[in-house]
Amino acid sequence: MAEEPVTTKFDAEITELLRCTRCNLRYAAGKSTSSLKLTYCSFLCELGDLGFSMAGLEHMERAVSEPASEEDETPAPVAVD
């Protein structure tokens, strides 16, 4: 009777490689520098695909706009002859 080879199971993180949405390369999710580790292989692919990074979005602050004064909006009087 022939013996079957022993199969060694490795950690899923090591054996399962994902494909990057932007560059289509295979990568290990644990090695990704992206905030979206299951989608992009690196921070640069995330930034290039979305136009911003999730980490940058989390730290973004809303810019406060100054209210326009009423003096600037009223037109100057015109002399009529």
PDB file of N, CA and C in Angstrom:
ATOM      1  N   MET A   1       0.845  -1.166   0.000  1.00  0.00           N
ATOM      2  CA  MET A   1       0.000   0.000   0.000  1.00  0.00           C
ATOM      3  C   MET A   1       0.900   1.242   0.000  1.00  0.00           C
ATOM      4  N   ALA A   2       0.624   2.188  -0.917  1.00  0.00           N
ATOM      5  CA  ALA A   2       1.439   3.398  -1.053  1.00  0.00           C
ATOM      6  C   ALA A   2       1.038   4.422  -0.001  1.00  0.00           C
ATOM      7  N   GLU A   3       2.041   5.064   0.565  1.00  0.00           N
ATOM      8  CA  GLU A   3       1.765   6.087   1.568  1.00  0.00           C
ATOM      9  C   GLU A   3       1.517   7.430   0.886  1.00  0.00           C
ATOM     10  N   GLU A   4       0.574   8.168   1.419  1.00  0.00           N
ATOM     11  CA  GLU A   4       0.292   9.502   0.895  1.00  0.00           C
ATOM     12  C   GLU A   4       1.263  10.488   1.523  1.00  0.00           C
ATOM     13  N   PRO A   5       1.704  11.495   0.746  1.00  0.00           N
ATOM     14  CA  PRO A   5       2.633  12.477   1.316  1.00  0.00           C
ATOM     15  C   PRO A   5       1.962  13.291   2.426  1.00  0.00           C
ATOM     16  N   VAL A   6       2.740  13.630   3.414  1.00  0.00           N
ATOM     17  CA  VAL A   6       2.234  14.425   4.533  1.00  0.00           C
ATOM     18  C   VAL A   6       2.120  15.872   4.069  1.00  0.00           C
ATOM     19  N   THR A   7       0.966  16.442   4.277  1.00  0.00           N
ATOM     20  CA  THR A   7       0.730  17.827   3.888  1.00  0.00           C
ATOM     21  C   THR A   7       0.924  18.727   5.107  1.00  0.00           C
ATOM     22  N   THR A   8       1.771  19.695   4.956  1.00  0.00           N
ATOM     23  CA  THR A   8       1.995  20.645   6.038  1.00  0.00           C
ATOM     24  C   THR A   8       1.179  21.897   5.762  1.00  0.00           C
ATOM     25  N   LYS A   9       0.406  22.280   6.735  1.00  0.00           N
ATOM     26  CA  LYS A   9      -0.400  23.491   6.587  1.00  0.00           C
ATOM     27  C   LYS A   9       0.362  24.669   7.171  1.00  0.00           C
ATOM     28  N   PHE A  10       0.377  25.745   6.438  1.00  0.00           N
ATOM     29  CA  PHE A  10       1.034  26.966   6.887  1.00  0.00           C
ATOM     30  C   PHE A  10      -0.011  27.979   7.295  1.00  0.00           C
ATOM     31  N   ASP A  11       0.425  29.016   7.931  1.00  0.00           N
ATOM     32  CA  ASP A  11      -0.453  30.118   8.300  1.00  0.00           C
ATOM     33  C   ASP A  11      -1.091  30.689   7.044  1.00  0.00           C
ATOM     34  N   ALA A  12      -2.381  30.994   7.086  1.00  0.00           N
ATOM     35  CA  ALA A  12      -3.111  31.482   5.915  1.00  0.00           C
ATOM     36  C   ALA A  12      -2.510  32.775   5.386  1.00  0.00           C
ATOM     37  N   GLU A  13      -1.943  33.591   6.258  1.00  0.00           N
ATOM     38  CA  GLU A  13      -1.352  34.856   5.826  1.00  0.00           C
ATOM     39  C   GLU A  13      -0.157  34.624   4.901  1.00  0.00           C
ATOM     40  N   ILE A  14       0.586  33.572   5.139  1.00  0.00           N
ATOM     41  CA  ILE A  14       1.773  33.293   4.343  1.00  0.00           C
ATOM     42  C   ILE A  14       1.404  32.655   3.004  1.00  0.00           C
ATOM     43  N   THR A  15       0.467  31.722   3.014  1.00  0.00           N
ATOM     44  CA  THR A  15       0.168  30.961   1.801  1.00  0.00           C
ATOM     45  C   THR A  15      -0.819  31.652   0.869  1.00  0.00           C
ATOM     46  N   GLU A  16      -1.690  32.469   1.388  1.00  0.00           N
ATOM     47  CA  GLU A  16      -2.714  33.096   0.545  1.00  0.00           C
ATOM     48  C   GLU A  16      -2.260  34.480   0.104  1.00  0.00           C
ATOM     49  N   LEU A  17      -2.086  34.640  -1.185  1.00  0.00           N
ATOM     50  CA  LEU A  17      -1.694  35.937  -1.731  1.00  0.00           C
ATOM     51  C   LEU A  17      -2.899  36.571  -2.405  1.00  0.00           C
ATOM     52  N   LEU A  18      -3.033  37.855  -2.215  1.00  0.00           N
ATOM     53  CA  LEU A  18      -4.135  38.617  -2.807  1.00  0.00           C
ATOM     54  C   LEU A  18      -3.636  39.343  -4.040  1.00  0.00           C
ATOM     55  N   ARG A  19      -4.542  39.834  -4.864  1.00  0.00           N
ATOM     56  CA  ARG A  19      -4.178  40.659  -6.024  1.00  0.00           C
ATOM     57  C   ARG A  19      -4.551  42.097  -5.747  1.00  0.00           C
ATOM     58  N   CYS A  20      -3.607  42.989  -6.012  1.00  0.00           N
ATOM     59  CA  CYS A  20      -3.830  44.422  -5.828  1.00  0.00           C
ATOM     60  C   CYS A  20      -4.839  44.908  -6.869  1.00  0.00           C
ATOM     61  N   THR A  21      -5.779  45.720  -6.439  1.00  0.00           N
ATOM     62  CA  THR A  21      -6.804  46.244  -7.335  1.00  0.00           C
ATOM     63  C   THR A  21      -6.214  47.171  -8.394  1.00  0.00           C
ATOM     64  N   ARG A  22      -5.189  47.919  -8.030  1.00  0.00           N
ATOM     65  CA  ARG A  22      -4.611  48.892  -8.964  1.00  0.00           C
ATOM     66  C   ARG A  22      -3.571  48.284  -9.899  1.00  0.00           C
ATOM     67  N   CYS A  23      -2.556  47.614  -9.355  1.00  0.00           N
ATOM     68  CA  CYS A  23      -1.442  47.136 -10.194  1.00  0.00           C
ATOM     69  C   CYS A  23      -1.563  45.659 -10.559  1.00  0.00           C
ATOM     70  N   ASN A  24      -2.521  44.956  -9.982  1.00  0.00           N
ATOM     71  CA  ASN A  24      -2.817  43.561 -10.301  1.00  0.00           C
ATOM     72  C   ASN A  24      -1.680  42.607  -9.916  1.00  0.00           C
ATOM     73  N   LEU A  25      -0.764  43.016  -9.045  1.00  0.00           N
ATOM     74  CA  LEU A  25       0.307  42.141  -8.571  1.00  0.00           C
ATOM     75  C   LEU A  25      -0.175  41.369  -7.354  1.00  0.00           C
ATOM     76  N   ARG A  26       0.407  40.197  -7.132  1.00  0.00           N
ATOM     77  CA  ARG A  26       0.080  39.402  -5.948  1.00  0.00           C
ATOM     78  C   ARG A  26       0.900  39.916  -4.767  1.00  0.00           C
ATOM     79  N   TYR A  27       0.272  39.944  -3.585  1.00  0.00           N
ATOM     80  CA  TYR A  27       0.945  40.424  -2.383  1.00  0.00           C
ATOM     81  C   TYR A  27       0.366  39.741  -1.158  1.00  0.00           C
ATOM     82  N   ALA A  28       1.125  39.722  -0.085  1.00  0.00           N
ATOM     83  CA  ALA A  28       0.661  39.212   1.204  1.00  0.00           C
ATOM     84  C   ALA A  28       0.034  40.374   1.969  1.00  0.00           C
ATOM     85  N   ALA A  29      -1.173  40.179   2.447  1.00  0.00           N
ATOM     86  CA  ALA A  29      -1.898  41.259   3.130  1.00  0.00           C
ATOM     87  C   ALA A  29      -1.136  41.787   4.345  1.00  0.00           C
ATOM     88  N   GLY A  30      -0.438  40.944   5.042  1.00  0.00           N
ATOM     89  CA  GLY A  30       0.313  41.365   6.226  1.00  0.00           C
ATOM     90  C   GLY A  30       1.485  42.277   5.907  1.00  0.00           C
ATOM     91  N   LYS A  31       1.978  42.234   4.692  1.00  0.00           N
ATOM     92  CA  LYS A  31       3.120  43.058   4.286  1.00  0.00           C
ATOM     93  C   LYS A  31       2.693  44.378   3.640  1.00  0.00           C
ATOM     94  N   SER A  32       1.408  44.569   3.402  1.00  0.00           N
ATOM     95  CA  SER A  32       0.907  45.771   2.738  1.00  0.00           C
ATOM     96  C   SER A  32       1.072  46.998   3.621  1.00  0.00           C
ATOM     97  N   THR A  33       1.484  48.120   3.021  1.00  0.00           N
ATOM     98  CA  THR A  33       1.593  49.381   3.757  1.00  0.00           C
ATOM     99  C   THR A  33       0.319  50.216   3.641  1.00  0.00           C
ATOM    100  N   SER A  34      -0.666  49.712   2.941  1.00  0.00           N
ATOM    101  CA  SER A  34      -1.929  50.412   2.744  1.00  0.00           C
ATOM    102  C   SER A  34      -2.830  50.265   3.964  1.00  0.00           C
ATOM    103  N   SER A  35      -3.714  51.230   4.170  1.00  0.00           N
ATOM    104  CA  SER A  35      -4.722  51.105   5.217  1.00  0.00           C
ATOM    105  C   SER A  35      -5.768  50.072   4.817  1.00  0.00           C
ATOM    106  N   LEU A  36      -5.990  49.925   3.526  1.00  0.00           N
ATOM    107  CA  LEU A  36      -6.923  48.940   2.992  1.00  0.00           C
ATOM    108  C   LEU A  36      -6.130  47.718   2.547  1.00  0.00           C
ATOM    109  N   LYS A  37      -5.622  46.959   3.507  1.00  0.00           N
ATOM    110  CA  LYS A  37      -4.687  45.863   3.252  1.00  0.00           C
ATOM    111  C   LYS A  37      -5.252  44.766   2.355  1.00  0.00           C
ATOM    112  N   LEU A  38      -6.554  44.567   2.338  1.00  0.00           N
ATOM    113  CA  LEU A  38      -7.152  43.510   1.516  1.00  0.00           C
ATOM    114  C   LEU A  38      -7.459  43.979   0.101  1.00  0.00           C
ATOM    115  N   THR A  39      -7.171  45.239  -0.207  1.00  0.00           N
ATOM    116  CA  THR A  39      -7.452  45.786  -1.534  1.00  0.00           C
ATOM    117  C   THR A  39      -6.200  46.222  -2.271  1.00  0.00           C
ATOM    118  N   TYR A  40      -5.265  46.870  -1.588  1.00  0.00           N
ATOM    119  CA  TYR A  40      -4.074  47.435  -2.232  1.00  0.00           C
ATOM    120  C   TYR A  40      -2.789  46.866  -1.628  1.00  0.00           C
ATOM    121  N   CYS A  41      -1.772  46.708  -2.468  1.00  0.00           N
ATOM    122  CA  CYS A  41      -0.497  46.150  -2.015  1.00  0.00           C
ATOM    123  C   CYS A  41       0.359  47.178  -1.290  1.00  0.00           C
ATOM    124  N   SER A  42       0.138  48.455  -1.539  1.00  0.00           N
ATOM    125  CA  SER A  42       0.958  49.481  -0.903  1.00  0.00           C
ATOM    126  C   SER A  42       0.181  50.782  -0.765  1.00  0.00           C
ATOM    127  N   PHE A  43       0.771  51.667   0.021  1.00  0.00           N
ATOM    128  CA  PHE A  43       0.218  52.999   0.227  1.00  0.00           C
ATOM    129  C   PHE A  43       0.112  53.755  -1.111  1.00  0.00           C
ATOM    130  N   LEU A  44       1.112  53.572  -1.979  1.00  0.00           N
ATOM    131  CA  LEU A  44       1.134  54.286  -3.259  1.00  0.00           C
ATOM    132  C   LEU A  44       0.007  53.837  -4.182  1.00  0.00           C
ATOM    133  N   CYS A  45      -0.322  52.544  -4.196  1.00  0.00           N
ATOM    134  CA  CYS A  45      -1.441  52.072  -5.011  1.00  0.00           C
ATOM    135  C   CYS A  45      -2.766  52.604  -4.477  1.00  0.00           C
ATOM    136  N   GLU A  46      -2.900  52.654  -3.169  1.00  0.00           N
ATOM    137  CA  GLU A  46      -4.108  53.206  -2.553  1.00  0.00           C
ATOM    138  C   GLU A  46      -4.258  54.680  -2.921  1.00  0.00           C
ATOM    139  N   LEU A  47      -3.182  55.417  -2.786  1.00  0.00           N
ATOM    140  CA  LEU A  47      -3.192  56.845  -3.091  1.00  0.00           C
ATOM    141  C   LEU A  47      -3.465  57.084  -4.572  1.00  0.00           C
ATOM    142  N   GLY A  48      -2.841  56.291  -5.443  1.00  0.00           N
ATOM    143  CA  GLY A  48      -3.022  56.454  -6.879  1.00  0.00           C
ATOM    144  C   GLY A  48      -4.413  56.094  -7.347  1.00  0.00           C
ATOM    145  N   ASP A  49      -5.032  55.093  -6.739  1.00  0.00           N
ATOM    146  CA  ASP A  49      -6.350  54.643  -7.176  1.00  0.00           C
ATOM    147  C   ASP A  49      -7.465  55.533  -6.634  1.00  0.00           C
ATOM    148  N   LEU A  50      -7.375  55.899  -5.365  1.00  0.00           N
ATOM    149  CA  LEU A  50      -8.431  56.698  -4.741  1.00  0.00           C
ATOM    150  C   LEU A  50      -8.216  58.201  -4.886  1.00  0.00           C
ATOM    151  N   GLY A  51      -6.962  58.610  -5.022  1.00  0.00           N
ATOM    152  CA  GLY A  51      -6.647  60.032  -5.050  1.00  0.00           C
ATOM    153  C   GLY A  51      -6.363  60.573  -3.655  1.00  0.00           C
ATOM    154  N   PHE A  52      -6.556  59.746  -2.640  1.00  0.00           N
ATOM    155  CA  PHE A  52      -6.257  60.088  -1.259  1.00  0.00           C
ATOM    156  C   PHE A  52      -6.024  58.781  -0.524  1.00  0.00           C
ATOM    157  N   SER A  53      -5.462  58.855   0.658  1.00  0.00           N
ATOM    158  CA  SER A  53      -5.272  57.648   1.459  1.00  0.00           C
ATOM    159  C   SER A  53      -6.256  57.659   2.623  1.00  0.00           C
ATOM    160  N   MET A  54      -6.627  56.496   3.083  1.00  0.00           N
ATOM    161  CA  MET A  54      -7.558  56.414   4.207  1.00  0.00           C
ATOM    162  C   MET A  54      -6.936  57.001   5.468  1.00  0.00           C
ATOM    163  N   ALA A  55      -5.643  56.795   5.666  1.00  0.00           N
ATOM    164  CA  ALA A  55      -4.965  57.359   6.841  1.00  0.00           C
ATOM    165  C   ALA A  55      -4.988  58.892   6.780  1.00  0.00           C
ATOM    166  N   GLY A  56      -4.777  59.447   5.601  1.00  0.00           N
ATOM    167  CA  GLY A  56      -4.835  60.898   5.435  1.00  0.00           C
ATOM    168  C   GLY A  56      -6.238  61.430   5.653  1.00  0.00           C
ATOM    169  N   LEU A  57      -7.219  60.676   5.200  1.00  0.00           N
ATOM    170  CA  LEU A  57      -8.614  61.073   5.358  1.00  0.00           C
ATOM    171  C   LEU A  57      -9.015  61.086   6.830  1.00  0.00           C
ATOM    172  N   GLU A  58      -8.498  60.140   7.604  1.00  0.00           N
ATOM    173  CA  GLU A  58      -8.812  60.078   9.032  1.00  0.00           C
ATOM    174  C   GLU A  58      -8.260  61.284   9.785  1.00  0.00           C
ATOM    175  N   HIS A  59      -7.142  61.830   9.336  1.00  0.00           N
ATOM    176  CA  HIS A  59      -6.509  62.953  10.027  1.00  0.00           C
ATOM    177  C   HIS A  59      -6.851  64.310   9.419  1.00  0.00           C
ATOM    178  N   MET A  60      -7.669  64.318   8.395  1.00  0.00           N
ATOM    179  CA  MET A  60      -8.015  65.566   7.717  1.00  0.00           C
ATOM    180  C   MET A  60      -8.929  66.414   8.605  1.00  0.00           C
ATOM    181  N   GLU A  61      -8.713  67.697   8.573  1.00  0.00           N
ATOM    182  CA  GLU A  61      -9.563  68.624   9.311  1.00  0.00           C
ATOM    183  C   GLU A  61     -10.285  69.524   8.319  1.00  0.00           C
ATOM    184  N   ARG A  62     -11.503  69.845   8.632  1.00  0.00           N
ATOM    185  CA  ARG A  62     -12.302  70.697   7.759  1.00  0.00           C
ATOM    186  C   ARG A  62     -11.790  72.128   7.831  1.00  0.00           C
ATOM    187  N   ALA A  63     -11.629  72.751   6.675  1.00  0.00           N
ATOM    188  CA  ALA A  63     -11.169  74.137   6.617  1.00  0.00           C
ATOM    189  C   ALA A  63     -12.328  75.055   6.980  1.00  0.00           C
ATOM    190  N   VAL A  64     -12.044  76.026   7.831  1.00  0.00           N
ATOM    191  CA  VAL A  64     -13.066  76.986   8.245  1.00  0.00           C
ATOM    192  C   VAL A  64     -12.998  78.177   7.299  1.00  0.00           C
ATOM    193  N   SER A  65     -14.112  78.450   6.640  1.00  0.00           N
ATOM    194  CA  SER A  65     -14.132  79.600   5.740  1.00  0.00           C
ATOM    195  C   SER A  65     -14.609  80.831   6.510  1.00  0.00           C
ATOM    196  N   GLU A  66     -14.036  81.964   6.172  1.00  0.00           N
ATOM    197  CA  GLU A  66     -14.412  83.208   6.842  1.00  0.00           C
ATOM    198  C   GLU A  66     -15.702  83.735   6.224  1.00  0.00           C
ATOM    199  N   PRO A  67     -16.638  84.157   7.055  1.00  0.00           N
ATOM    200  CA  PRO A  67     -17.889  84.696   6.499  1.00  0.00           C
ATOM    201  C   PRO A  67     -17.615  86.010   5.772  1.00  0.00           C
ATOM    202  N   ALA A  68     -18.277  86.199   4.661  1.00  0.00           N
ATOM    203  CA  ALA A  68     -18.102  87.433   3.882  1.00  0.00           C
ATOM    204  C   ALA A  68     -18.789  88.581   4.616  1.00  0.00           C
ATOM    205  N   SER A  69     -18.121  89.704   4.688  1.00  0.00           N
ATOM    206  CA  SER A  69     -18.716  90.860   5.359  1.00  0.00           C
ATOM    207  C   SER A  69     -19.703  91.541   4.407  1.00  0.00           C
ATOM    208  N   GLU A  70     -20.717  92.178   4.982  1.00  0.00           N
ATOM    209  CA  GLU A  70     -21.746  92.823   4.173  1.00  0.00           C
ATOM    210  C   GLU A  70     -21.208  94.073   3.482  1.00  0.00           C
ATOM    211  N   GLU A  71     -20.193  94.690   4.038  1.00  0.00           N
ATOM    212  CA  GLU A  71     -19.633  95.891   3.449  1.00  0.00           C
ATOM    213  C   GLU A  71     -19.024  95.612   2.084  1.00  0.00           C
ATOM    214  N   ASP A  72     -18.431  94.453   1.921  1.00  0.00           N
ATOM    215  CA  ASP A  72     -17.797  94.118   0.655  1.00  0.00           C
ATOM    216  C   ASP A  72     -18.823  93.813  -0.444  1.00  0.00           C
ATOM    217  N   GLU A  73     -20.010  93.384  -0.053  1.00  0.00           N
ATOM    218  CA  GLU A  73     -21.001  92.974  -1.035  1.00  0.00           C
ATOM    219  C   GLU A  73     -21.858  94.135  -1.547  1.00  0.00           C
ATOM    220  N   THR A  74     -21.987  95.217  -0.788  1.00  0.00           N
ATOM    221  CA  THR A  74     -22.835  96.317  -1.249  1.00  0.00           C
ATOM    222  C   THR A  74     -22.084  97.147  -2.305  1.00  0.00           C
ATOM    223  N   PRO A  75     -22.744  97.418  -3.417  1.00  0.00           N
ATOM    224  CA  PRO A  75     -22.082  98.197  -4.463  1.00  0.00           C
ATOM    225  C   PRO A  75     -21.935  99.668  -4.044  1.00  0.00           C
ATOM    226  N   ALA A  76     -20.950 100.307  -4.565  1.00  0.00           N
ATOM    227  CA  ALA A  76     -20.709 101.726  -4.275  1.00  0.00           C
ATOM    228  C   ALA A  76     -21.785 102.550  -4.973  1.00  0.00           C
ATOM    229  N   PRO A  77     -22.260 103.627  -4.315  1.00  0.00           N
ATOM    230  CA  PRO A  77     -23.299 104.453  -4.946  1.00  0.00           C
ATOM    231  C   PRO A  77     -22.753 105.155  -6.190  1.00  0.00           C
ATOM    232  N   VAL A  78     -23.608 105.282  -7.181  1.00  0.00           N
ATOM    233  CA  VAL A  78     -23.218 105.931  -8.443  1.00  0.00           C
ATOM    234  C   VAL A  78     -23.974 107.262  -8.525  1.00  0.00           C
ATOM    235  N   ALA A  79     -23.240 108.311  -8.855  1.00  0.00           N
ATOM    236  CA  ALA A  79     -23.866 109.639  -8.985  1.00  0.00           C
ATOM    237  C   ALA A  79     -24.647 109.703 -10.276  1.00  0.00           C
ATOM    238  N   VAL A  80     -25.876 110.209 -10.202  1.00  0.00           N
ATOM    239  CA  VAL A  80     -26.712 110.354 -11.386  1.00  0.00           C
ATOM    240  C   VAL A  80     -26.854 111.862 -11.661  1.00  0.00           C
ATOM    241  N   ASP A  81     -26.607 112.289 -12.897  1.00  0.00           N
ATOM    242  CA  ASP A  81     -26.702 113.720 -13.258  1.00  0.00           C
ATOM    243  C   ASP A  81     -28.060 114.051 -13.780  1.00  0.00           C
TER     244      ASP A  81
END
